[in-house]
Structures are given as structure tokens and as C-alpha cells.
């Protein structure tokens, strides 16, 4: 089955740039698509210093929905939203003051991959972080979710003049230009050997099956001592069985059903897990809400925007009813996704019904995109005026 590759290199324009991320794209682009993917053939999407987070989200969402293996290569820099204390991938227009609106929230990456399996989804990362973001990552780790394998590094910004180079990603690209892609774990080790001790003591090395968070080098002993590599620590995630082949990952089964066009089977499988989670933990629990969100996405994949919009609205109401704040990422994401699916509804009666509910929610949850409430109200007026 053909694979999909997303090459994303992003960093701010101007004095805030810590890394010349886009400089690695010509080297990556010189690698054959099949080698980048590890599949027989692959479709490659390249994003160089994108301006808008929504544009990146659209490409990421399309890549995540594609059948077959997915590899996402990201070179760039992390910045922290000081208000919500959330990590963002800085884009071309990002500054310290505007990161919340101009950067790509890192949790969007995790969320878009949640219907995939770590067995066929990989992240290769070369990220640089300013002091504030670095301290956050060192304390909390870099959460990539349980549905992908992760290799790469997060480097602390040094005292150098000018932007740094994405040395790890360039090493990966150089190795791949040989015409073959070894297993990612081996490729990762070889890349670390190539960059030597350039980031020793200042890099968090990511080598995680099934998604997890990198931890500061001092938190755990180095994994190995027989290679000349930066201090490294890794922590396996809760779904490591998805990558190693032991146990059963329900998300893998659901993804397979979606790829085969068995949308009813996929939703039925997710519904059973949702019911089990509700009985065990309650309808507002993280476990139950996770499966409710999976079902909302499954409705989208099945081409049913009415059901998807209705599900996302229910998720948002449940989260708010459980005491989550109107600007929490999960609440904002649920309303944004309901809004997106509402815009795809062609049945006027259903659009009017759900539009009223969406407008009511948008009054409470305006989200990060300016004009979202006005957009709903204007479209709703047009629907109500139509015969």
C-alpha cells in the first residue's frame, strides 16, 4: 500500500528564529519518496515556513486520514504559550506575544494522529526550544500521544549567534540519501552518532515506541553507553504494544476498518469501547470522552457531517459540564471541529438545527480564530432566510 510523507519545516522570520528549519528541506526532498516512507511508493507533502496554523492543520489532517503508512518529519522550534502553558510549534509569523494565535499547538499533532496505529505511524523530530519551552519540556516531556512511534531530539537554544542548524534532521536525510531506509530505531542511532556530542547535556533524545514524553537527561540513566551520543533518556508509553506486536490495539483495528471502507464496523467497535468506558469511569471521564471523540472522527471519515457535528457538540457540552474552562484546549478543539463539520452539512434543516446549537456554544467558546462566532451567525441567518 502506498505511504504518505509530510515534511514540515517551520520557524519564525526575524530575530525570534532559533533554527534554520527550512534549510533541511532540500536535503530531505532529494531523498526518494519510497525511502522517506519505507513503503514501495509514497505521496510526499512539503510545507516550508508556513504562515497559518490552520493551513498546517489541514495538511496534517489529510495526511493522518490517508491509508497506508505515514511518516511525519518535523524540523522547527517550540515556544510556550504563557497564558495556557501549552507548547506550540512556532510558524513564520510567531512571536513570544502572539504564539497562542500564530503557532501550531503541539497537542494538535497528537490529536490528529489518534485514529492511527503506532505500527504504521512515525514522527521524526528535530526541534529547538527557547529557555521557557525547554524548561517546560524538561519538566513535563513532549507528549506525542500513544498512536505513533517517535524518534528525534529537542535541543536547547544555545548562546550562539544566529539560528542553529537542524543537525539531527540533516543527518537523517543524509543517511536516507544512500537509497535505503533502515528501521527507524537504527536510523535514529546512526543520526545521533553522526552529530556526535554537539548537543550533549542540552538535548532530550526521543526514541519511543507507541508515543510518550521525553524526560530530562537527569531523570533516568542513559539507555546505552556504547555509542558516542548525547545524554539520553526514554520512557515507553502506555500503548507500546501497538508497535511491538504484542497485545491488541483497538485503534489499529478501527483504522483498518476505516481503510477498508467498513465504517459501520469501525463505529460499532468504538461504540462498544465507549460504553465500557462510561460504565467503568463515567460519561465525563477522559476514557469515555476519548471514545466519543473517536466516534465523531469516524463519522467524518464516513462522510456524515451531521453525525460528526452533533457528536462534537455533545463532547464540548460534556467537557464544559464537567467544569473544564471555555479556553481549555480540549473544549476549543471540540467546538472548532463541530464548526468545521457544520460547514459541510448540505441538508438545510439539519444545518439550521445544529447551527443554533453551535452559535450558542460559540458565544461561550469563541476559540482562537477571530470571526468564528460571526461566521456561524451569518451562515445561520442565510439558512433561516432560505425558503
Protein backbone atom coordinates (compact mmCIF):
# COMPACT_ATOMS: atom_id res chain seq x y z
CA UNK A 1 0.00 0.00 0.00
CA UNK A 2 1.39 3.48 -0.87
CA UNK A 3 2.64 5.54 2.02
CA UNK A 4 2.32 9.21 2.91
CA UNK A 5 5.12 11.55 3.97
CA UNK A 6 4.66 15.02 5.44
CA UNK A 7 7.77 17.23 5.52
CA UNK A 8 7.23 20.22 7.81
CA UNK A 9 9.94 22.80 8.45
CA UNK A 10 8.87 25.87 10.39
CA UNK A 11 10.46 28.70 12.34
CA UNK A 12 9.73 32.40 12.81
CA UNK A 13 11.01 35.05 10.45
CA UNK A 14 13.29 37.59 12.09
CA UNK A 15 15.07 37.80 15.42
CA UNK A 16 12.96 35.13 17.07
CA UNK A 17 14.30 32.38 14.81
CA UNK A 18 16.30 29.80 16.75
CA UNK A 19 16.85 27.31 13.94
CA UNK A 20 17.11 27.46 10.18
CA UNK A 21 14.50 24.74 9.85
CA UNK A 22 13.70 25.16 6.16
CA UNK A 23 17.37 24.65 5.31
CA UNK A 24 16.91 20.90 5.72
CA UNK A 25 14.11 20.57 3.17
CA UNK A 26 16.33 20.47 0.04
CA UNK A 27 18.27 17.59 1.57
CA UNK A 28 15.08 15.72 2.51
CA UNK A 29 13.50 16.46 -0.85
CA UNK A 30 16.46 14.81 -2.57
CA UNK A 31 15.53 11.51 -0.93
CA UNK A 32 13.31 9.18 -2.95
CA UNK A 33 9.69 9.22 -1.66
CA UNK A 34 9.71 5.45 -1.13
CA UNK A 35 12.82 5.76 1.06
CA UNK A 36 11.31 8.61 3.09
CA UNK A 37 8.24 6.47 3.67
CA UNK A 38 9.66 2.99 3.92
CA UNK A 39 6.87 1.87 1.55
CA UNK A 40 7.08 0.79 -2.10
CA UNK A 41 5.66 4.12 -3.23
CA UNK A 42 4.68 7.28 -1.37
CA UNK A 43 2.99 10.65 -1.71
CA UNK A 44 5.08 13.49 -0.28
CA UNK A 45 3.68 16.81 1.01
CA UNK A 46 6.16 19.59 1.80
CA UNK A 47 5.49 22.63 3.99
CA UNK A 48 8.27 25.22 4.22
CA UNK A 49 7.90 28.01 6.79
CA UNK A 50 4.07 28.02 6.67
CA UNK A 51 2.24 31.13 7.86
CA UNK A 52 -1.08 29.87 9.21
CA UNK A 53 -1.67 27.13 11.81
CA UNK A 54 -4.97 26.19 10.18
CA UNK A 55 -3.22 25.53 6.87
CA UNK A 56 -0.78 23.19 8.62
CA UNK A 57 -3.65 21.51 10.43
CA UNK A 58 -5.44 20.87 7.13
CA UNK A 59 -2.37 19.18 5.64
CA UNK A 60 -1.73 17.19 8.80
CA UNK A 61 -5.35 16.05 8.96
CA UNK A 62 -5.30 14.91 5.34
CA UNK A 63 -2.05 13.03 5.89
CA UNK A 64 -3.42 11.35 9.01
CA UNK A 65 -6.54 10.23 7.15
CA UNK A 66 -4.60 8.69 4.26
CA UNK A 67 -4.41 4.90 4.12
CA UNK A 68 -1.08 3.15 4.44
CA UNK A 69 1.99 4.06 6.49
CA UNK A 70 2.54 7.68 7.49
CA UNK A 71 5.85 9.33 8.35
CA UNK A 72 5.93 12.95 9.53
CA UNK A 73 9.27 14.76 9.55
CA UNK A 74 9.20 17.99 11.59
CA UNK A 75 12.07 20.45 11.95
CA UNK A 76 11.42 23.64 13.86
CA UNK A 77 11.23 25.32 17.21
CA UNK A 78 9.00 25.04 20.25
CA UNK A 79 7.58 28.02 22.11
CA UNK A 80 5.33 28.18 25.14
CA UNK A 81 2.02 29.99 25.33
CA UNK A 82 2.47 31.80 28.63
CA UNK A 83 -1.27 32.11 29.27
CA UNK A 84 -2.27 28.47 28.89
CA UNK A 85 1.17 26.94 29.41
CA UNK A 86 0.90 24.94 26.17
CA UNK A 87 3.66 24.09 23.74
CA UNK A 88 3.41 25.35 20.16
CA UNK A 89 5.41 24.75 17.01
CA UNK A 90 6.41 28.28 16.01
CA UNK A 91 5.45 29.28 12.46
CA UNK A 92 6.70 32.11 10.26
CA UNK A 93 4.68 34.87 11.98
CA UNK A 94 5.07 33.60 15.53
CA UNK A 95 6.43 35.86 18.25
CA UNK A 96 6.50 35.39 22.01
CA UNK A 97 3.45 37.64 22.32
CA UNK A 98 1.40 36.01 19.54
CA UNK A 99 2.30 32.32 19.86
CA UNK A 100 -1.19 31.36 21.00
CA UNK A 101 -2.67 32.62 17.73
CA UNK A 102 0.14 32.19 15.22
CA UNK A 103 1.79 28.95 16.33
CA UNK A 104 0.63 25.37 15.83
CA UNK A 105 -0.47 23.93 19.20
CA UNK A 106 1.59 20.79 19.72
CA UNK A 107 -1.41 18.89 21.02
CA UNK A 108 -2.98 19.26 17.56
CA UNK A 109 -0.32 16.88 16.25
CA UNK A 110 -1.21 14.35 18.93
CA UNK A 111 -4.95 14.74 18.35
CA UNK A 112 -4.80 14.34 14.57
CA UNK A 113 -2.94 11.05 14.88
CA UNK A 114 -5.25 9.47 17.43
CA UNK A 115 -7.11 7.23 14.97
CA UNK A 116 -3.89 5.78 13.65
CA UNK A 117 -1.77 2.92 14.93
CA UNK A 118 1.79 3.20 16.15
CA UNK A 119 2.52 0.21 13.93
CA UNK A 120 2.26 2.36 10.79
CA UNK A 121 2.72 5.94 12.04
CA UNK A 122 6.07 7.59 12.77
CA UNK A 123 7.26 11.03 13.84
CA UNK A 124 10.85 12.08 13.15
CA UNK A 125 11.58 15.31 15.03
CA UNK A 126 14.36 17.86 15.23
CA UNK A 127 13.11 20.61 17.50
CA UNK A 128 14.82 23.55 19.19
CA UNK A 129 13.36 25.24 22.26
CA UNK A 130 13.90 28.59 23.89
CA UNK A 131 14.57 28.76 27.62
CA UNK A 132 10.92 28.78 28.70
CA UNK A 133 9.86 26.00 26.35
CA UNK A 134 12.94 23.97 27.24
CA UNK A 135 12.17 24.13 30.95
CA UNK A 136 8.60 23.03 30.24
CA UNK A 137 9.71 20.07 28.12
CA UNK A 138 12.33 19.10 30.69
CA UNK A 139 9.66 19.04 33.40
CA UNK A 140 6.64 17.67 31.51
CA UNK A 141 8.14 15.93 28.50
CA UNK A 142 6.95 16.18 24.90
CA UNK A 143 3.62 14.39 24.60
CA UNK A 144 3.17 12.90 21.13
CA UNK A 145 0.29 10.60 22.05
CA UNK A 146 0.08 6.80 22.05
CA UNK A 147 -0.55 6.33 18.33
CA UNK A 148 2.87 6.89 16.78
CA UNK A 149 6.48 5.90 17.23
CA UNK A 150 8.72 8.88 17.86
CA UNK A 151 12.41 9.44 17.13
CA UNK A 152 14.44 12.62 17.22
CA UNK A 153 15.60 15.26 19.66
CA UNK A 154 14.64 18.51 21.37
CA UNK A 155 17.65 20.82 21.60
CA UNK A 156 18.00 23.73 23.99
CA UNK A 157 18.80 27.08 22.41
CA UNK A 158 22.46 27.92 22.94
CA UNK A 159 24.32 31.19 23.19
CA UNK A 160 25.36 31.07 19.53
CA UNK A 161 24.94 33.97 17.17
CA UNK A 162 22.29 33.42 14.56
CA UNK A 163 19.98 30.43 14.05
CA UNK A 164 21.21 26.91 14.66
CA UNK A 165 21.11 24.18 12.03
CA UNK A 166 18.78 21.14 12.28
CA UNK A 167 21.80 18.87 12.53
CA UNK A 168 19.88 15.76 13.55
CA UNK A 169 17.41 16.02 10.65
CA UNK A 170 20.21 16.73 8.19
CA UNK A 171 21.97 13.60 9.43
CA UNK A 172 18.77 11.60 8.92
CA UNK A 173 18.36 12.98 5.40
CA UNK A 174 21.98 12.29 4.52
CA UNK A 175 21.67 8.71 5.69
CA UNK A 176 18.49 8.21 3.70
CA UNK A 177 20.10 9.52 0.53
CA UNK A 178 22.00 6.23 0.42
CA UNK A 179 18.81 4.82 -1.08
CA UNK A 180 17.61 2.63 1.77
CA UNK A 181 15.73 3.24 4.99
CA UNK A 182 16.78 1.07 7.90
CA UNK A 183 14.37 0.53 10.79
CA UNK A 184 13.75 3.91 12.38
CA UNK A 185 15.42 2.93 15.64
CA UNK A 186 18.63 2.12 13.74
CA UNK A 187 18.34 5.27 11.62
CA UNK A 188 17.92 7.30 14.81
CA UNK A 189 21.03 5.79 16.40
CA UNK A 190 23.09 6.37 13.26
CA UNK A 191 21.98 10.01 13.10
CA UNK A 192 22.95 10.55 16.74
CA UNK A 193 26.37 9.08 16.03
CA UNK A 194 26.81 11.47 13.10
CA UNK A 195 26.06 14.57 15.15
CA UNK A 196 28.29 13.28 17.95
CA UNK A 197 28.30 15.26 21.17
CA UNK A 198 27.12 18.52 19.61
CA UNK A 199 24.17 18.71 21.99
CA UNK A 200 25.46 16.70 24.91
CA UNK A 201 23.72 17.71 28.10
CA UNK A 202 21.33 20.01 26.24
CA UNK A 203 19.31 17.57 24.13
CA UNK A 204 16.33 15.43 25.03
CA UNK A 205 16.60 12.39 22.82
CA UNK A 206 13.29 10.94 21.67
CA UNK A 207 13.16 7.22 20.97
CA UNK A 208 9.73 6.00 21.96
CA UNK A 209 7.53 3.19 20.69
CA UNK A 210 3.84 3.90 20.90
CA UNK A 211 4.20 7.56 21.82
CA UNK A 212 5.40 9.03 25.09
CA UNK A 213 7.10 12.03 26.56
CA UNK A 214 10.83 12.59 26.58
CA UNK A 215 12.22 13.34 30.01
CA UNK A 216 15.21 15.40 31.12
CA UNK A 217 18.54 13.61 30.80
CA UNK A 218 19.00 13.60 34.55
CA UNK A 219 15.67 11.87 35.23
CA UNK A 220 16.83 8.43 34.14
CA UNK A 221 20.17 6.81 33.37
CA UNK A 222 21.22 6.82 29.72
CA UNK A 223 19.79 3.94 27.76
CA UNK A 224 23.13 2.89 26.32
CA UNK A 225 26.76 3.76 26.90
CA UNK A 226 28.39 2.10 23.92
CA UNK A 227 27.73 4.85 21.38
CA UNK A 228 29.02 8.45 21.23
CA UNK A 229 25.65 10.12 21.67
CA UNK A 230 24.14 12.94 23.78
CA UNK A 231 22.82 12.04 27.23
CA UNK A 232 19.54 10.32 26.52
CA UNK A 233 16.50 9.03 28.36
CA UNK A 234 13.40 7.39 27.06
CA UNK A 235 10.14 6.30 28.60
CA UNK A 236 7.82 3.84 26.95
CA UNK A 237 4.23 4.89 26.52
CA UNK A 238 1.02 3.17 27.54
CA UNK A 239 0.41 1.67 24.11
CA UNK A 240 3.84 0.30 23.33
CA UNK A 241 2.22 -3.00 22.33
CA UNK A 242 0.92 -1.33 19.18
CA UNK A 243 4.45 -1.01 17.88
CA UNK A 244 5.94 -4.17 19.26
CA UNK A 245 3.20 -6.50 18.14
CA UNK A 246 2.12 -7.90 21.50
CA UNK A 247 -1.43 -7.42 22.71
CA UNK A 248 -4.17 -5.80 20.66
CA UNK A 249 -4.54 -2.10 19.93
CA UNK A 250 -8.22 -1.25 19.32
CA UNK A 251 -7.23 1.83 17.37
CA UNK A 252 -5.35 -0.33 14.88
CA UNK A 253 -8.46 -2.44 14.30
CA UNK A 254 -10.59 0.67 13.86
CA UNK A 255 -8.08 2.22 11.44
CA UNK A 256 -8.06 -0.98 9.40
CA UNK A 257 -11.86 -0.94 9.21
CA UNK A 258 -11.86 2.67 8.03
CA UNK A 259 -9.24 1.94 5.38
CA UNK A 260 -11.38 -0.96 4.15
CA UNK A 261 -14.47 1.23 4.00
CA UNK A 262 -16.19 -0.69 6.84
CA UNK A 263 -17.40 2.46 8.58
CA UNK A 264 -20.31 0.79 10.38
CA UNK A 265 -17.97 -1.83 11.83
CA UNK A 266 -15.49 0.87 12.91
CA UNK A 267 -18.18 2.88 14.69
CA UNK A 268 -19.63 -0.22 16.32
CA UNK A 269 -16.22 -1.19 17.68
CA UNK A 270 -15.64 2.32 19.05
CA UNK A 271 -19.18 2.43 20.49
CA UNK A 272 -18.55 -0.75 22.48
CA UNK A 273 -15.36 0.74 23.93
CA UNK A 274 -17.23 3.96 24.75
CA UNK A 275 -19.95 2.03 26.59
CA UNK A 276 -17.36 0.10 28.59
CA UNK A 277 -15.60 3.35 29.49
CA UNK A 278 -18.85 5.02 30.56
CA UNK A 279 -19.77 2.07 32.80
CA UNK A 280 -16.31 1.89 34.32
CA UNK A 281 -15.44 5.58 34.67
CA UNK A 282 -18.49 7.76 33.92
CA UNK A 283 -19.59 9.72 30.85
CA UNK A 284 -17.36 12.72 31.64
CA UNK A 285 -14.22 10.66 32.18
CA UNK A 286 -11.19 11.02 29.93
CA UNK A 287 -11.65 7.42 28.82
CA UNK A 288 -15.27 7.88 27.75
CA UNK A 289 -14.65 11.25 26.12
CA UNK A 290 -11.76 9.80 24.14
CA UNK A 291 -14.06 7.24 22.55
CA UNK A 292 -16.78 9.83 21.98
CA UNK A 293 -14.23 11.89 20.07
CA UNK A 294 -13.08 8.85 18.11
CA UNK A 295 -16.68 8.26 17.04
CA UNK A 296 -17.02 11.89 16.00
CA UNK A 297 -13.98 11.49 13.77
CA UNK A 298 -15.27 8.19 12.42
CA UNK A 299 -18.47 9.94 11.35
CA UNK A 300 -16.34 12.46 9.47
CA UNK A 301 -14.42 9.68 7.71
CA UNK A 302 -17.75 8.06 6.81
CA UNK A 303 -18.88 11.30 5.14
CA UNK A 304 -21.59 12.04 7.71
CA UNK A 305 -21.01 15.65 8.84
CA UNK A 306 -24.38 15.81 10.64
CA UNK A 307 -23.49 12.95 12.95
CA UNK A 308 -19.93 14.23 13.37
CA UNK A 309 -21.05 17.77 14.21
CA UNK A 310 -23.65 16.50 16.67
CA UNK A 311 -21.05 14.31 18.37
CA UNK A 312 -18.52 17.12 18.70
CA UNK A 313 -21.17 19.43 20.15
CA UNK A 314 -22.02 16.75 22.72
CA UNK A 315 -18.35 16.34 23.63
CA UNK A 316 -17.98 20.10 24.13
CA UNK A 317 -21.07 20.28 26.34
CA UNK A 318 -19.92 17.32 28.42
CA UNK A 319 -16.50 18.85 28.96
CA UNK A 320 -17.99 22.20 29.96
CA UNK A 321 -20.49 20.46 32.22
CA UNK A 322 -17.62 18.68 33.93
CA UNK A 323 -16.06 22.02 34.81
CA UNK A 324 -13.49 22.41 32.04
CA UNK A 325 -12.85 26.04 31.14
CA UNK A 326 -14.03 27.64 27.91
CA UNK A 327 -10.44 28.21 26.77
CA UNK A 328 -9.15 24.73 27.58
CA UNK A 329 -7.60 23.07 24.50
CA UNK A 330 -9.99 20.10 24.56
CA UNK A 331 -13.09 22.31 24.71
CA UNK A 332 -11.82 24.64 21.99
CA UNK A 333 -10.91 21.68 19.79
CA UNK A 334 -14.36 20.11 20.17
CA UNK A 335 -16.17 23.33 19.22
CA UNK A 336 -13.76 24.03 16.34
CA UNK A 337 -14.34 20.54 14.94
CA UNK A 338 -18.10 20.86 15.33
CA UNK A 339 -17.87 24.16 13.44
CA UNK A 340 -15.79 22.56 10.68
CA UNK A 341 -18.25 19.69 10.21
CA UNK A 342 -21.26 22.03 10.37
CA UNK A 343 -19.86 23.90 7.37
CA UNK A 344 -20.02 20.64 5.36
CA UNK A 345 -23.70 19.91 6.05
CA UNK A 346 -25.84 20.17 2.90
CA UNK A 347 -29.22 19.39 4.50
CA UNK A 348 -30.73 22.79 5.34
CA UNK A 349 -32.95 21.58 8.20
CA UNK A 350 -30.09 19.80 9.95
CA UNK A 351 -27.79 22.78 9.37
CA UNK A 352 -30.33 25.14 10.95
CA UNK A 353 -30.83 22.86 13.95
CA UNK A 354 -27.15 22.30 14.64
CA UNK A 355 -26.24 25.87 13.70
CA UNK A 356 -28.37 27.23 16.54
CA UNK A 357 -26.64 24.91 18.99
CA UNK A 358 -23.24 25.82 17.58
CA UNK A 359 -23.95 29.56 17.81
CA UNK A 360 -24.93 29.12 21.47
CA UNK A 361 -21.65 27.33 22.16
CA UNK A 362 -19.61 29.86 20.19
CA UNK A 363 -20.88 32.61 22.48
CA UNK A 364 -19.14 30.79 25.32
CA UNK A 365 -16.20 29.33 23.36
CA UNK A 366 -15.05 31.85 20.72
CA UNK A 367 -11.88 29.88 20.02
CA UNK A 368 -8.59 31.14 18.64
CA UNK A 369 -9.73 32.11 15.15
CA UNK A 370 -11.13 35.63 15.00
CA UNK A 371 -14.61 35.92 13.49
CA UNK A 372 -15.71 32.35 14.25
CA UNK A 373 -18.91 33.44 16.03
CA UNK A 374 -19.72 35.96 13.30
CA UNK A 375 -19.24 33.27 10.68
CA UNK A 376 -21.78 31.00 12.38
CA UNK A 377 -24.29 33.80 12.86
CA UNK A 378 -24.03 34.98 9.26
CA UNK A 379 -24.39 31.47 7.82
CA UNK A 380 -27.27 30.75 10.17
CA UNK A 381 -29.11 33.91 9.05
CA UNK A 382 -28.72 32.80 5.43
CA UNK A 383 -30.11 29.35 6.26
CA UNK A 384 -33.06 30.78 8.15
CA UNK A 385 -33.87 33.20 5.33
CA UNK A 386 -33.85 30.43 2.73
CA UNK A 387 -37.26 29.02 1.71
